[in-house]
Structure formats: structure tokens, C-alpha cells
Amino acid sequence: MTAIPQGRRTRRAALASALCALVAVTGAGLTGCAGKDPDAGTNGVGKLPADRIQARTRAAADSAGTVHLSGNVVSNGRTYQLDMRLKPDGGSGSVTSQGVTFRLLRVGKQLYLKADAEFWSHADGDAKGGGSGKDTGAADKLDGKYVKVPQGDPAYQRFSGFTDKNVLLDGLLTLHGTLAADGHHEQSGVRTIRVTGGKGSGGTLDVSLEGTPYPLRLVRAGGAGTLTFSEWGKDFALTEPDQSDTVDYGKQLPAS
């Protein structure tokens, strides 16, 4: 084996030292730097106990004015695919369940549901042509319209929670079992610290190590869905639909 001259070894060592120093300043990923601090240049939550990390991320989520939530949630044996933008006073977005997609919009206490004629004809019992012509006519009138959902209607209780930032996050951002930190990870190019409940069986939550420690990805316990969170604090318009695009069906929607 040919020996490496002493001068060359010295220059290599100096270069490696300089690169590691650069990593410490920029936080860039680079292997081979002995003693590199994975929390260097972060918001510091990665150094906290798991229960304090969860407390910090819950506080950050509660204080944020807005969030974009997407993914799937399993509830009562049914899977809902969500793509929602939420504020404390309402939200908007789409929900897909059993192959059917509809839009939800809530401004204050008023909830609207927008879907196509097929959705409403099924709700009226007209699936596969089994309903009456009257049912089909009603479905056609509701096609593509924002239909007001009365607060006393079962659909209001069932779907309004999907548009409620506080209710939705309170129900989702809960890990079950003993909390533990599960190392450093990455979500959409952002460094994270992962917190697990019950060694993962109670869910996992990835928390941002960059800037505010927002939750970025949640895997719910028991295979009950996976969700990502983004656009924290990014404002969006939330307004009532035009009257010409709105239908008031009455005190109760067609049976669903």
C-alpha cells in the first residue's frame, strides 16, 4: 500500500474540518463529520423530552391562523379523503368518501355542501335509476350548487367538523400511549423530529425543526389514516357563495 504523504494528509484533514464547520453553520446534511449536532441550526425542540415537544407543537398549531390539511381519515369504518383549508371561523375544501367527492364550505356557523346531480340523486334514493322523476328533478336543481345545510340536519353534525380547525386538530393531534422521541427525519424537504405514542402503535407525529415547530405529518393509531399539514399561517379568502349559486333546500336535506 502506497503511503500518503504527510502534507497531503494534513490538507485533507483541514478540508474535512472546514466542511464540518460549514455544516454546523448552514445545517446542510453531510455524513462523515464526527460529533455533528443534528439539532444545529434548528428551533431546538429536538432536544426536548417527547411530552414537551408535543406540547410545543400543539401550542403552535392552536396559535396559527390557518392550515392546509390533506390526507385520509378513517372514522366509523369509513375512509374520508380530505383536502381542507381551515381557519378558526370556517374552512373550505373537498371530501371524498366511497368514490364520491363533494365540497364543503363553512363561513361562521353556516355550512354549505356542493356536489353533482349524481350525489343528490343517490341521497334521494335514486341510485341506479331506482328513484322517481321528481327525485331526479330535485337532484338536477342542486347539481353544482352550494346547498345550505341546516344546523339541525344530521349532515351538519357529520360534516361541519371537517371545516372546524380547532375541533379537527384537537381530535387528530393526539398520540396514545407513552410518548417518545423517534429520531430526526424529513418531511417535504423540512427537517423534523418524530414523536411516537406507544412505540408507534399509538400514532406518530413529525414536528418541524425549522422555524415554528408546527406539526407536519401525522400517522394515526390503528391505521386510522395519514395526514399532512402545510401552509400554516398562510391566509386565504373565506366568503359566502353568490346567492345565484346557492340553494336553500329547507329545514332538512335529502336523506343521505
C-alpha atoms as a PDB file:
ATOM      1  CA  MET A   1       0.000   0.000   0.000  1.00  0.00           C
ATOM      2  CA  THR A   2       1.385   3.385  -1.013  1.00  0.00           C
ATOM      3  CA  ALA A   3       1.734   5.763   1.927  1.00  0.00           C
ATOM      4  CA  ILE A   4       0.007   9.120   1.674  1.00  0.00           C
ATOM      5  CA  PRO A   5       2.490  11.958   2.153  1.00  0.00           C
ATOM      6  CA  GLN A   6       2.119  13.815   5.431  1.00  0.00           C
ATOM      7  CA  GLY A   7       1.391  17.113   3.700  1.00  0.00           C
ATOM      8  CA  ARG A   8      -1.484  15.632   1.725  1.00  0.00           C
ATOM      9  CA  ARG A   9      -2.988  14.047   4.878  1.00  0.00           C
ATOM     10  CA  THR A  10      -2.814  17.422   6.600  1.00  0.00           C
ATOM     11  CA  ARG A  11      -4.545  19.180   3.719  1.00  0.00           C
ATOM     12  CA  ARG A  12      -7.310  16.521   3.654  1.00  0.00           C
ATOM     13  CA  ALA A  13      -7.858  16.864   7.395  1.00  0.00           C
ATOM     14  CA  ALA A  14      -8.039  20.642   7.078  1.00  0.00           C
ATOM     15  CA  LEU A  15     -10.590  20.346   4.244  1.00  0.00           C
ATOM     16  CA  ALA A  16     -12.740  17.898   6.234  1.00  0.00           C
ATOM     17  CA  SER A  17     -12.625  20.214   9.230  1.00  0.00           C
ATOM     18  CA  ALA A  18     -13.684  23.169   7.096  1.00  0.00           C
ATOM     19  CA  LEU A  19     -16.602  21.222   5.591  1.00  0.00           C
ATOM     20  CA  CYS A  20     -17.842  20.162   9.014  1.00  0.00           C
ATOM     21  CA  ALA A  21     -17.642  23.757  10.188  1.00  0.00           C
ATOM     22  CA  LEU A  22     -19.778  24.742   7.183  1.00  0.00           C
ATOM     23  CA  VAL A  23     -22.343  22.080   8.111  1.00  0.00           C
ATOM     24  CA  ALA A  24     -22.573  23.467  11.629  1.00  0.00           C
ATOM     25  CA  VAL A  25     -23.333  26.935  10.256  1.00  0.00           C
ATOM     26  CA  THR A  26     -25.725  26.029   7.426  1.00  0.00           C
ATOM     27  CA  GLY A  27     -27.354  22.893   8.824  1.00  0.00           C
ATOM     28  CA  ALA A  28     -26.745  21.130   5.484  1.00  0.00           C
ATOM     29  CA  GLY A  29     -26.775  17.340   5.515  1.00  0.00           C
ATOM     30  CA  LEU A  30     -23.301  15.801   5.225  1.00  0.00           C
ATOM     31  CA  THR A  31     -22.065  12.486   6.507  1.00  0.00           C
ATOM     32  CA  GLY A  32     -18.633  11.833   7.911  1.00  0.00           C
ATOM     33  CA  CYS A  33     -18.486  14.736  10.342  1.00  0.00           C
ATOM     34  CA  ALA A  34     -17.851  13.162  13.695  1.00  0.00           C
ATOM     35  CA  GLY A  35     -19.803  14.724  16.507  1.00  0.00           C
ATOM     36  CA  LYS A  36     -22.170  16.639  14.222  1.00  0.00           C
ATOM     37  CA  ASP A  37     -25.127  18.003  16.196  1.00  0.00           C
ATOM     38  CA  PRO A  38     -28.366  17.062  14.330  1.00  0.00           C
ATOM     39  CA  ASP A  39     -30.120  19.973  16.061  1.00  0.00           C
ATOM     40  CA  ALA A  40     -27.611  22.594  14.965  1.00  0.00           C
ATOM     41  CA  GLY A  41     -29.398  25.484  13.285  1.00  0.00           C
ATOM     42  CA  THR A  42     -32.869  24.223  14.275  1.00  0.00           C
ATOM     43  CA  ASN A  43     -35.551  25.660  16.547  1.00  0.00           C
ATOM     44  CA  GLY A  44     -34.250  23.423  19.351  1.00  0.00           C
ATOM     45  CA  VAL A  45     -37.362  21.316  20.026  1.00  0.00           C
ATOM     46  CA  GLY A  46     -35.456  18.188  19.010  1.00  0.00           C
ATOM     47  CA  LYS A  47     -33.549  18.405  22.274  1.00  0.00           C
ATOM     48  CA  LEU A  48     -36.712  18.439  24.398  1.00  0.00           C
ATOM     49  CA  PRO A  49     -38.460  15.465  26.018  1.00  0.00           C
ATOM     50  CA  ALA A  50     -41.256  13.994  23.909  1.00  0.00           C
ATOM     51  CA  ASP A  51     -44.081  15.387  26.063  1.00  0.00           C
ATOM     52  CA  ARG A  52     -42.679  18.919  25.781  1.00  0.00           C
ATOM     53  CA  ILE A  53     -42.269  18.543  22.007  1.00  0.00           C
ATOM     54  CA  GLN A  54     -45.924  17.582  21.747  1.00  0.00           C
ATOM     55  CA  ALA A  55     -46.945  20.493  23.972  1.00  0.00           C
ATOM     56  CA  ARG A  56     -44.936  22.936  21.866  1.00  0.00           C
ATOM     57  CA  THR A  57     -46.371  21.705  18.570  1.00  0.00           C
ATOM     58  CA  ARG A  58     -49.934  21.744  19.900  1.00  0.00           C
ATOM     59  CA  ALA A  59     -49.456  25.323  21.066  1.00  0.00           C
ATOM     60  CA  ALA A  60     -48.041  26.280  17.664  1.00  0.00           C
ATOM     61  CA  ALA A  61     -50.981  24.671  15.859  1.00  0.00           C
ATOM     62  CA  ASP A  62     -53.526  26.359  18.127  1.00  0.00           C
ATOM     63  CA  SER A  63     -51.972  29.794  17.630  1.00  0.00           C
ATOM     64  CA  ALA A  64     -51.718  29.560  13.832  1.00  0.00           C
ATOM     65  CA  GLY A  65     -54.448  31.393  11.968  1.00  0.00           C
ATOM     66  CA  THR A  66     -54.728  28.917   9.105  1.00  0.00           C
ATOM     67  CA  VAL A  67     -53.638  25.463   7.954  1.00  0.00           C
ATOM     68  CA  HIS A  68     -53.913  23.283   4.854  1.00  0.00           C
ATOM     69  CA  LEU A  69     -54.745  19.709   5.832  1.00  0.00           C
ATOM     70  CA  SER A  70     -54.690  16.808   3.386  1.00  0.00           C
ATOM     71  CA  GLY A  71     -54.764  13.036   3.587  1.00  0.00           C
ATOM     72  CA  ASN A  72     -57.167  10.380   4.762  1.00  0.00           C
ATOM     73  CA  VAL A  73     -59.069   9.735   7.958  1.00  0.00           C
ATOM     74  CA  VAL A  74     -60.845   6.504   8.890  1.00  0.00           C
ATOM     75  CA  SER A  75     -63.911   7.085  11.057  1.00  0.00           C
ATOM     76  CA  ASN A  76     -66.625   4.558  11.950  1.00  0.00           C
ATOM     77  CA  GLY A  77     -65.310   2.158   9.324  1.00  0.00           C
ATOM     78  CA  ARG A  78     -65.450   4.719   6.509  1.00  0.00           C
ATOM     79  CA  THR A  79     -62.436   6.366   4.874  1.00  0.00           C
ATOM     80  CA  TYR A  80     -62.588  10.087   4.107  1.00  0.00           C
ATOM     81  CA  GLN A  81     -60.032  11.665   1.789  1.00  0.00           C
ATOM     82  CA  LEU A  82     -59.634  15.274   2.911  1.00  0.00           C
ATOM     83  CA  ASP A  83     -58.176  18.354   1.245  1.00  0.00           C
ATOM     84  CA  MET A  84     -59.196  21.245   3.505  1.00  0.00           C
ATOM     85  CA  ARG A  85     -58.037  24.778   4.274  1.00  0.00           C
ATOM     86  CA  LEU A  86     -59.092  25.836   7.741  1.00  0.00           C
ATOM     87  CA  LYS A  87     -59.483  28.953   9.859  1.00  0.00           C
ATOM     88  CA  PRO A  88     -60.897  29.379  13.359  1.00  0.00           C
ATOM     89  CA  ASP A  89     -64.152  30.749  11.863  1.00  0.00           C
ATOM     90  CA  GLY A  90     -64.590  28.288   8.996  1.00  0.00           C
ATOM     91  CA  GLY A  91     -62.987  26.378   6.196  1.00  0.00           C
ATOM     92  CA  SER A  92     -63.320  25.076   2.670  1.00  0.00           C
ATOM     93  CA  GLY A  93     -62.186  22.141   0.600  1.00  0.00           C
ATOM     94  CA  SER A  94     -63.131  18.733  -0.695  1.00  0.00           C
ATOM     95  CA  VAL A  95     -64.043  15.407   0.869  1.00  0.00           C
ATOM     96  CA  THR A  96     -64.080  12.068  -0.950  1.00  0.00           C
ATOM     97  CA  SER A  97     -65.779   9.009   0.507  1.00  0.00           C
ATOM     98  CA  GLN A  98     -66.722   5.743  -1.190  1.00  0.00           C
ATOM     99  CA  GLY A  99     -65.735   7.143  -4.557  1.00  0.00           C
ATOM    100  CA  VAL A 100     -67.925  10.241  -4.216  1.00  0.00           C
ATOM    101  CA  THR A 101     -66.409  13.724  -3.950  1.00  0.00           C
ATOM    102  CA  PHE A 102     -68.173  16.794  -2.610  1.00  0.00           C
ATOM    103  CA  ARG A 103     -67.087  20.226  -1.452  1.00  0.00           C
ATOM    104  CA  LEU A 104     -67.642  21.799   1.935  1.00  0.00           C
ATOM    105  CA  LEU A 105     -67.656  25.486   2.799  1.00  0.00           C
ATOM    106  CA  ARG A 106     -68.355  26.923   6.233  1.00  0.00           C
ATOM    107  CA  VAL A 107     -68.427  30.645   6.940  1.00  0.00           C
ATOM    108  CA  GLY A 108     -69.157  31.278  10.584  1.00  0.00           C
ATOM    109  CA  LYS A 109     -71.944  28.875  11.534  1.00  0.00           C
ATOM    110  CA  GLN A 110     -73.332  28.491   8.019  1.00  0.00           C
ATOM    111  CA  LEU A 111     -72.278  25.268   6.301  1.00  0.00           C
ATOM    112  CA  TYR A 112     -72.647  24.671   2.555  1.00  0.00           C
ATOM    113  CA  LEU A 113     -72.336  21.410   0.650  1.00  0.00           C
ATOM    114  CA  LYS A 114     -71.645  21.375  -3.086  1.00  0.00           C
ATOM    115  CA  ALA A 115     -71.952  18.218  -5.179  1.00  0.00           C
ATOM    116  CA  ASP A 116     -73.102  16.965  -8.563  1.00  0.00           C
ATOM    117  CA  ALA A 117     -76.538  15.645  -9.505  1.00  0.00           C
ATOM    118  CA  GLU A 118     -75.430  12.030  -9.077  1.00  0.00           C
ATOM    119  CA  PHE A 119     -74.591  12.665  -5.428  1.00  0.00           C
ATOM    120  CA  TRP A 120     -78.005  14.203  -4.756  1.00  0.00           C
ATOM    121  CA  SER A 121     -79.920  11.565  -6.725  1.00  0.00           C
ATOM    122  CA  HIS A 122     -78.282   8.877  -4.595  1.00  0.00           C
ATOM    123  CA  ALA A 123     -79.174  10.843  -1.469  1.00  0.00           C
ATOM    124  CA  ASP A 124     -82.788  10.937  -2.692  1.00  0.00           C
ATOM    125  CA  GLY A 125     -82.848   7.182  -3.154  1.00  0.00           C
ATOM    126  CA  ASP A 126     -82.468   7.421  -6.928  1.00  0.00           C
ATOM    127  CA  ALA A 127     -79.336   5.300  -7.139  1.00  0.00           C
ATOM    128  CA  LYS A 128     -79.170   3.198 -10.300  1.00  0.00           C
ATOM    129  CA  GLY A 129     -82.387   4.730 -11.574  1.00  0.00           C
ATOM    130  CA  GLY A 130     -84.476   3.459  -8.680  1.00  0.00           C
ATOM    131  CA  GLY A 131     -85.919   6.859  -7.715  1.00  0.00           C
ATOM    132  CA  SER A 132     -88.757   8.893  -9.073  1.00  0.00           C
ATOM    133  CA  GLY A 133     -88.655  11.530 -11.779  1.00  0.00           C
ATOM    134  CA  LYS A 134     -89.374  14.072  -9.053  1.00  0.00           C
ATOM    135  CA  ASP A 135     -86.226  12.986  -7.221  1.00  0.00           C
ATOM    136  CA  THR A 136     -84.179  13.330 -10.403  1.00  0.00           C
ATOM    137  CA  GLY A 137     -85.545  16.806 -10.992  1.00  0.00           C
ATOM    138  CA  ALA A 138     -84.600  17.902  -7.478  1.00  0.00           C
ATOM    139  CA  ALA A 139     -81.097  16.484  -7.935  1.00  0.00           C
ATOM    140  CA  ASP A 140     -80.691  18.403 -11.180  1.00  0.00           C
ATOM    141  CA  LYS A 141     -81.591  21.650  -9.415  1.00  0.00           C
ATOM    142  CA  LEU A 142     -78.917  21.015  -6.785  1.00  0.00           C
ATOM    143  CA  ASP A 143     -76.236  19.994  -9.290  1.00  0.00           C
ATOM    144  CA  GLY A 144     -73.129  22.131  -8.772  1.00  0.00           C
ATOM    145  CA  LYS A 145     -74.857  24.469  -6.335  1.00  0.00           C
ATOM    146  CA  TYR A 146     -73.867  25.420  -2.804  1.00  0.00           C
ATOM    147  CA  VAL A 147     -76.668  23.902  -0.744  1.00  0.00           C
ATOM    148  CA  LYS A 148     -77.263  25.387   2.690  1.00  0.00           C
ATOM    149  CA  VAL A 149     -77.033  22.719   5.377  1.00  0.00           C
ATOM    150  CA  PRO A 150     -79.439  23.427   8.271  1.00  0.00           C
ATOM    151  CA  GLN A 151     -77.827  23.133  11.689  1.00  0.00           C
ATOM    152  CA  GLY A 152     -80.492  20.650  12.740  1.00  0.00           C
ATOM    153  CA  ASP A 153     -79.777  18.310   9.834  1.00  0.00           C
ATOM    154  CA  PRO A 154     -77.684  15.169  10.556  1.00  0.00           C
ATOM    155  CA  ALA A 155     -75.353  16.154   7.715  1.00  0.00           C
ATOM    156  CA  TYR A 156     -74.391  19.302   9.630  1.00  0.00           C
ATOM    157  CA  GLN A 157     -73.206  17.300  12.625  1.00  0.00           C
ATOM    158  CA  ARG A 158     -71.475  14.800  10.379  1.00  0.00           C
ATOM    159  CA  PHE A 159     -69.562  17.195   8.133  1.00  0.00           C
ATOM    160  CA  SER A 160     -69.138  20.509   9.967  1.00  0.00           C
ATOM    161  CA  GLY A 161     -66.256  19.056  11.981  1.00  0.00           C
ATOM    162  CA  PHE A 162     -64.254  18.726   8.766  1.00  0.00           C
ATOM    163  CA  THR A 163     -64.368  22.523   8.480  1.00  0.00           C
ATOM    164  CA  ASP A 164     -63.591  23.325  12.129  1.00  0.00           C
ATOM    165  CA  LYS A 165     -59.879  23.899  12.720  1.00  0.00           C
ATOM    166  CA  ASN A 166     -59.993  23.608  16.498  1.00  0.00           C
ATOM    167  CA  VAL A 167     -62.263  20.563  16.628  1.00  0.00           C
ATOM    168  CA  LEU A 168     -60.405  18.744  13.880  1.00  0.00           C
ATOM    169  CA  LEU A 169     -56.910  19.359  15.249  1.00  0.00           C
ATOM    170  CA  ASP A 170     -57.960  18.563  18.819  1.00  0.00           C
ATOM    171  CA  GLY A 171     -59.232  15.207  17.624  1.00  0.00           C
ATOM    172  CA  LEU A 172     -56.291  14.437  15.371  1.00  0.00           C
ATOM    173  CA  LEU A 173     -53.161  15.701  17.136  1.00  0.00           C
ATOM    174  CA  THR A 174     -53.420  13.193  19.970  1.00  0.00           C
ATOM    175  CA  LEU A 175     -50.955  10.338  20.352  1.00  0.00           C
ATOM    176  CA  HIS A 176     -51.909   7.373  22.523  1.00  0.00           C
ATOM    177  CA  GLY A 177     -49.635   5.598  24.962  1.00  0.00           C
ATOM    178  CA  THR A 178     -46.247   6.573  26.331  1.00  0.00           C
ATOM    179  CA  LEU A 179     -44.625   9.331  24.301  1.00  0.00           C
ATOM    180  CA  ALA A 180     -41.072   9.002  22.997  1.00  0.00           C
ATOM    181  CA  ALA A 181     -38.821  10.795  20.523  1.00  0.00           C
ATOM    182  CA  ASP A 182     -38.001   8.645  17.492  1.00  0.00           C
ATOM    183  CA  GLY A 183     -35.120  10.442  15.848  1.00  0.00           C
ATOM    184  CA  HIS A 184     -34.648  13.059  13.173  1.00  0.00           C
ATOM    185  CA  HIS A 185     -36.499  12.755   9.870  1.00  0.00           C
ATOM    186  CA  GLU A 186     -37.606  14.887   6.924  1.00  0.00           C
ATOM    187  CA  GLN A 187     -40.993  15.896   5.547  1.00  0.00           C
ATOM    188  CA  SER A 188     -41.240  17.635   2.164  1.00  0.00           C
ATOM    189  CA  GLY A 189     -37.680  18.890   2.477  1.00  0.00           C
ATOM    190  CA  VAL A 190     -38.109  20.153   6.048  1.00  0.00           C
ATOM    191  CA  ARG A 191     -36.150  18.592   8.901  1.00  0.00           C
ATOM    192  CA  THR A 192     -38.362  17.105  11.604  1.00  0.00           C
ATOM    193  CA  ILE A 193     -38.269  15.382  14.948  1.00  0.00           C
ATOM    194  CA  ARG A 194     -40.635  12.438  15.223  1.00  0.00           C
ATOM    195  CA  VAL A 195     -42.699  11.719  18.313  1.00  0.00           C
ATOM    196  CA  THR A 196     -44.370   8.349  18.793  1.00  0.00           C
ATOM    197  CA  GLY A 197     -47.102   7.115  21.088  1.00  0.00           C
ATOM    198  CA  GLY A 198     -46.900   3.578  22.423  1.00  0.00           C
ATOM    199  CA  LYS A 199     -43.747   2.839  20.392  1.00  0.00           C
ATOM    200  CA  GLY A 200     -45.635   3.771  17.236  1.00  0.00           C
ATOM    201  CA  SER A 201     -48.816   1.782  17.825  1.00  0.00           C
ATOM    202  CA  GLY A 202     -50.417   4.921  19.262  1.00  0.00           C
ATOM    203  CA  GLY A 203     -49.511   7.056  16.247  1.00  0.00           C
ATOM    204  CA  THR A 204     -46.546   9.128  15.089  1.00  0.00           C
ATOM    205  CA  LEU A 205     -46.170  12.860  14.613  1.00  0.00           C
ATOM    206  CA  ASP A 206     -43.424  14.673  12.689  1.00  0.00           C
ATOM    207  CA  VAL A 207     -42.714  18.156  14.065  1.00  0.00           C
ATOM    208  CA  SER A 208     -40.831  20.842  12.161  1.00  0.00           C
ATOM    209  CA  LEU A 209     -37.317  21.616  13.353  1.00  0.00           C
ATOM    210  CA  GLU A 210     -37.240  24.720  11.176  1.00  0.00           C
ATOM    211  CA  GLY A 211     -38.919  27.915  12.309  1.00  0.00           C
ATOM    212  CA  THR A 212     -42.100  27.433  14.315  1.00  0.00           C
ATOM    213  CA  PRO A 213     -42.488  23.805  15.497  1.00  0.00           C
ATOM    214  CA  TYR A 214     -45.654  23.076  13.545  1.00  0.00           C
ATOM    215  CA  PRO A 215     -46.893  19.509  13.095  1.00  0.00           C
ATOM    216  CA  LEU A 216     -46.168  18.418   9.512  1.00  0.00           C
ATOM    217  CA  ARG A 217     -47.227  14.766   9.259  1.00  0.00           C
ATOM    218  CA  LEU A 218     -49.425  12.528  11.365  1.00  0.00           C
ATOM    219  CA  VAL A 219     -49.872   8.773  11.160  1.00  0.00           C
ATOM    220  CA  ARG A 220     -52.907   7.932  13.276  1.00  0.00           C
ATOM    221  CA  ALA A 221     -53.073   4.991  15.638  1.00  0.00           C
ATOM    222  CA  GLY A 222     -54.580   1.728  14.437  1.00  0.00           C
ATOM    223  CA  GLY A 223     -54.265   2.518  10.736  1.00  0.00           C
ATOM    224  CA  ALA A 224     -56.861   5.282  11.072  1.00  0.00           C
ATOM    225  CA  GLY A 225     -55.273   7.471   8.418  1.00  0.00           C
ATOM    226  CA  THR A 226     -52.289   9.613   7.473  1.00  0.00           C
ATOM    227  CA  LEU A 227     -52.414  13.397   7.205  1.00  0.00           C
ATOM    228  CA  THR A 228     -50.017  16.155   6.217  1.00  0.00           C
ATOM    229  CA  PHE A 229     -50.189  19.763   7.405  1.00  0.00           C
ATOM    230  CA  SER A 230     -48.835  22.718   5.443  1.00  0.00           C
ATOM    231  CA  GLU A 231     -49.281  26.435   4.741  1.00  0.00           C
ATOM    232  CA  TRP A 232     -49.508  27.239   8.435  1.00  0.00           C
ATOM    233  CA  GLY A 233     -50.470  30.902   8.841  1.00  0.00           C
ATOM    234  CA  LYS A 234     -50.976  31.433   5.089  1.00  0.00           C
ATOM    235  CA  ASP A 235     -54.223  33.383   4.738  1.00  0.00           C
ATOM    236  CA  PHE A 236     -56.935  32.546   2.212  1.00  0.00           C
ATOM    237  CA  ALA A 237     -60.305  34.010   1.249  1.00  0.00           C
ATOM    238  CA  LEU A 238     -63.366  32.623   3.002  1.00  0.00           C
ATOM    239  CA  THR A 239     -66.601  34.190   1.767  1.00  0.00           C
ATOM    240  CA  GLU A 240     -70.249  33.281   1.327  1.00  0.00           C
ATOM    241  CA  PRO A 241     -71.063  31.994  -2.177  1.00  0.00           C
ATOM    242  CA  ASP A 242     -73.091  34.190  -4.532  1.00  0.00           C
ATOM    243  CA  GLN A 243     -76.821  33.995  -3.977  1.00  0.00           C
ATOM    244  CA  SER A 244     -77.272  32.891  -7.598  1.00  0.00           C
ATOM    245  CA  ASP A 245     -75.043  29.902  -6.842  1.00  0.00           C
ATOM    246  CA  THR A 246     -76.845  28.945  -3.625  1.00  0.00           C
ATOM    247  CA  VAL A 247     -79.851  26.737  -2.909  1.00  0.00           C
ATOM    248  CA  ASP A 248     -81.765  26.726   0.347  1.00  0.00           C
ATOM    249  CA  TYR A 249     -83.337  23.261   0.447  1.00  0.00           C
ATOM    250  CA  GLY A 250     -85.282  23.965   3.627  1.00  0.00           C
ATOM    251  CA  LYS A 251     -85.047  22.643   7.147  1.00  0.00           C
ATOM    252  CA  GLN A 252     -83.602  19.283   6.149  1.00  0.00           C
ATOM    253  CA  LEU A 253     -81.548  17.924   3.263  1.00  0.00           C
ATOM    254  CA  PRO A 254     -82.471  14.790   1.301  1.00  0.00           C
ATOM    255  CA  ALA A 255     -81.822  11.675   3.357  1.00  0.00           C
ATOM    256  CA  SER A 256     -78.221  10.550   2.984  1.00  0.00           C
END
